[in-house]
């Protein structure tokens, strides 16, 4: 897995920023749940850190998909759609 050495602002569309924050400390920046997020890792080589950060990011995306109030198919979206009705 290649590790990008670029640093920069988080794109509103959710693009990832990956960089070495300090020697041996890695940082993954991205957008999730309507705002910016950052995962910091230390004590790992670059490849292992990136794999761990990508795994954590995937879990956050799974949680967002399940509980986002902006996604009409999520649990929260379905509850909100039934607001005031007896359908739930």
C-alpha atoms as a PDB file:
ATOM      1  CA  UNK A   1       0.000   0.000   0.000  1.00  0.00           C
ATOM      2  CA  UNK A   2       1.497   3.349  -1.005  1.00  0.00           C
ATOM      3  CA  UNK A   3       1.638   6.151   1.525  1.00  0.00           C
ATOM      4  CA  UNK A   4       1.092   9.680   0.293  1.00  0.00           C
ATOM      5  CA  UNK A   5       3.370  12.294   1.774  1.00  0.00           C
ATOM      6  CA  UNK A   6       1.100  15.211   1.024  1.00  0.00           C
ATOM      7  CA  UNK A   7      -0.475  17.467   3.617  1.00  0.00           C
ATOM      8  CA  UNK A   8      -3.378  19.801   3.113  1.00  0.00           C
ATOM      9  CA  UNK A   9      -6.901  20.843   3.931  1.00  0.00           C
ATOM     10  CA  UNK A  10      -9.685  18.301   4.013  1.00  0.00           C
ATOM     11  CA  UNK A  11     -11.782  18.449   0.877  1.00  0.00           C
ATOM     12  CA  UNK A  12     -15.512  18.990   1.632  1.00  0.00           C
ATOM     13  CA  UNK A  13     -16.289  15.974  -0.549  1.00  0.00           C
ATOM     14  CA  UNK A  14     -14.485  13.733   1.934  1.00  0.00           C
ATOM     15  CA  UNK A  15     -11.082  13.310   0.300  1.00  0.00           C
ATOM     16  CA  UNK A  16      -8.404  11.991   2.604  1.00  0.00           C
ATOM     17  CA  UNK A  17      -5.363  13.814   3.904  1.00  0.00           C
ATOM     18  CA  UNK A  18      -2.572  11.440   5.000  1.00  0.00           C
ATOM     19  CA  UNK A  19       0.728  12.634   6.404  1.00  0.00           C
ATOM     20  CA  UNK A  20       3.432  12.029   8.956  1.00  0.00           C
ATOM     21  CA  UNK A  21       2.506  14.419  11.772  1.00  0.00           C
ATOM     22  CA  UNK A  22       5.840  13.928  13.533  1.00  0.00           C
ATOM     23  CA  UNK A  23       8.577  11.298  13.241  1.00  0.00           C
ATOM     24  CA  UNK A  24       6.805   7.965  13.648  1.00  0.00           C
ATOM     25  CA  UNK A  25       3.365   9.555  14.123  1.00  0.00           C
ATOM     26  CA  UNK A  26       0.825   9.260  11.324  1.00  0.00           C
ATOM     27  CA  UNK A  27      -2.348  11.250  10.736  1.00  0.00           C
ATOM     28  CA  UNK A  28      -5.368  10.491   8.531  1.00  0.00           C
ATOM     29  CA  UNK A  29      -7.799  13.395   8.009  1.00  0.00           C
ATOM     30  CA  UNK A  30     -11.201  13.019   6.374  1.00  0.00           C
ATOM     31  CA  UNK A  31     -14.843  14.015   6.691  1.00  0.00           C
ATOM     32  CA  UNK A  32     -17.445  11.837   8.371  1.00  0.00           C
ATOM     33  CA  UNK A  33     -20.768  12.445  10.123  1.00  0.00           C
ATOM     34  CA  UNK A  34     -20.978  15.949   8.707  1.00  0.00           C
ATOM     35  CA  UNK A  35     -17.643  17.204   9.974  1.00  0.00           C
ATOM     36  CA  UNK A  36     -13.891  16.815   9.942  1.00  0.00           C
ATOM     37  CA  UNK A  37     -12.259  13.815  11.604  1.00  0.00           C
ATOM     38  CA  UNK A  38      -8.705  12.837  12.342  1.00  0.00           C
ATOM     39  CA  UNK A  39      -7.115   9.536  13.289  1.00  0.00           C
ATOM     40  CA  UNK A  40      -3.604   9.682  14.759  1.00  0.00           C
ATOM     41  CA  UNK A  41      -1.372   6.657  15.169  1.00  0.00           C
ATOM     42  CA  UNK A  42       2.068   6.182  16.673  1.00  0.00           C
ATOM     43  CA  UNK A  43       4.465   3.289  17.086  1.00  0.00           C
ATOM     44  CA  UNK A  44       3.733   1.703  13.699  1.00  0.00           C
ATOM     45  CA  UNK A  45       5.514   1.722  10.369  1.00  0.00           C
ATOM     46  CA  UNK A  46       3.820   3.773   7.633  1.00  0.00           C
ATOM     47  CA  UNK A  47       2.142   0.806   5.927  1.00  0.00           C
ATOM     48  CA  UNK A  48       0.741  -0.689   9.144  1.00  0.00           C
ATOM     49  CA  UNK A  49      -0.417   2.745  10.327  1.00  0.00           C
ATOM     50  CA  UNK A  50      -2.235   3.390   7.049  1.00  0.00           C
ATOM     51  CA  UNK A  51      -3.920  -0.014   7.146  1.00  0.00           C
ATOM     52  CA  UNK A  52      -5.082   0.557  10.739  1.00  0.00           C
ATOM     53  CA  UNK A  53      -6.323   4.058   9.905  1.00  0.00           C
ATOM     54  CA  UNK A  54      -8.183   2.806   6.819  1.00  0.00           C
ATOM     55  CA  UNK A  55      -9.820   0.072   8.921  1.00  0.00           C
ATOM     56  CA  UNK A  56     -10.947   2.638  11.503  1.00  0.00           C
ATOM     57  CA  UNK A  57     -12.224   4.952   8.760  1.00  0.00           C
ATOM     58  CA  UNK A  58     -14.211   2.099   7.208  1.00  0.00           C
ATOM     59  CA  UNK A  59     -15.829   1.382  10.588  1.00  0.00           C
ATOM     60  CA  UNK A  60     -16.784   5.041  10.969  1.00  0.00           C
ATOM     61  CA  UNK A  61     -18.308   4.978   7.474  1.00  0.00           C
ATOM     62  CA  UNK A  62     -20.293   1.849   8.423  1.00  0.00           C
ATOM     63  CA  UNK A  63     -21.596   3.511  11.588  1.00  0.00           C
ATOM     64  CA  UNK A  64     -22.448   6.683   9.678  1.00  0.00           C
ATOM     65  CA  UNK A  65     -24.373   4.669   7.083  1.00  0.00           C
ATOM     66  CA  UNK A  66     -26.345   2.908   9.779  1.00  0.00           C
ATOM     67  CA  UNK A  67     -27.134   5.861  12.044  1.00  0.00           C
ATOM     68  CA  UNK A  68     -26.943   9.003   9.897  1.00  0.00           C
ATOM     69  CA  UNK A  69     -29.962  11.253  10.195  1.00  0.00           C
ATOM     70  CA  UNK A  70     -29.252  12.437   6.627  1.00  0.00           C
ATOM     71  CA  UNK A  71     -29.604   8.983   5.093  1.00  0.00           C
ATOM     72  CA  UNK A  72     -33.293   8.131   4.696  1.00  0.00           C
ATOM     73  CA  UNK A  73     -32.484   4.397   4.711  1.00  0.00           C
ATOM     74  CA  UNK A  74     -30.592   4.470   8.030  1.00  0.00           C
ATOM     75  CA  UNK A  75     -32.226   3.496  11.308  1.00  0.00           C
ATOM     76  CA  UNK A  76     -32.433   7.135  12.402  1.00  0.00           C
ATOM     77  CA  UNK A  77     -33.686   8.214   8.969  1.00  0.00           C
ATOM     78  CA  UNK A  78     -36.495   5.651   9.124  1.00  0.00           C
ATOM     79  CA  UNK A  79     -37.449   6.729  12.647  1.00  0.00           C
ATOM     80  CA  UNK A  80     -37.527  10.375  11.551  1.00  0.00           C
ATOM     81  CA  UNK A  81     -39.625   9.515   8.489  1.00  0.00           C
ATOM     82  CA  UNK A  82     -42.241   7.898  10.749  1.00  0.00           C
ATOM     83  CA  UNK A  83     -42.386  10.838  13.136  1.00  0.00           C
ATOM     84  CA  UNK A  84     -45.944  11.215  14.358  1.00  0.00           C
ATOM     85  CA  UNK A  85     -47.198   8.027  12.753  1.00  0.00           C
ATOM     86  CA  UNK A  86     -47.842   4.558  14.095  1.00  0.00           C
ATOM     87  CA  UNK A  87     -45.703   2.866  11.421  1.00  0.00           C
ATOM     88  CA  UNK A  88     -42.610   2.278  13.535  1.00  0.00           C
END
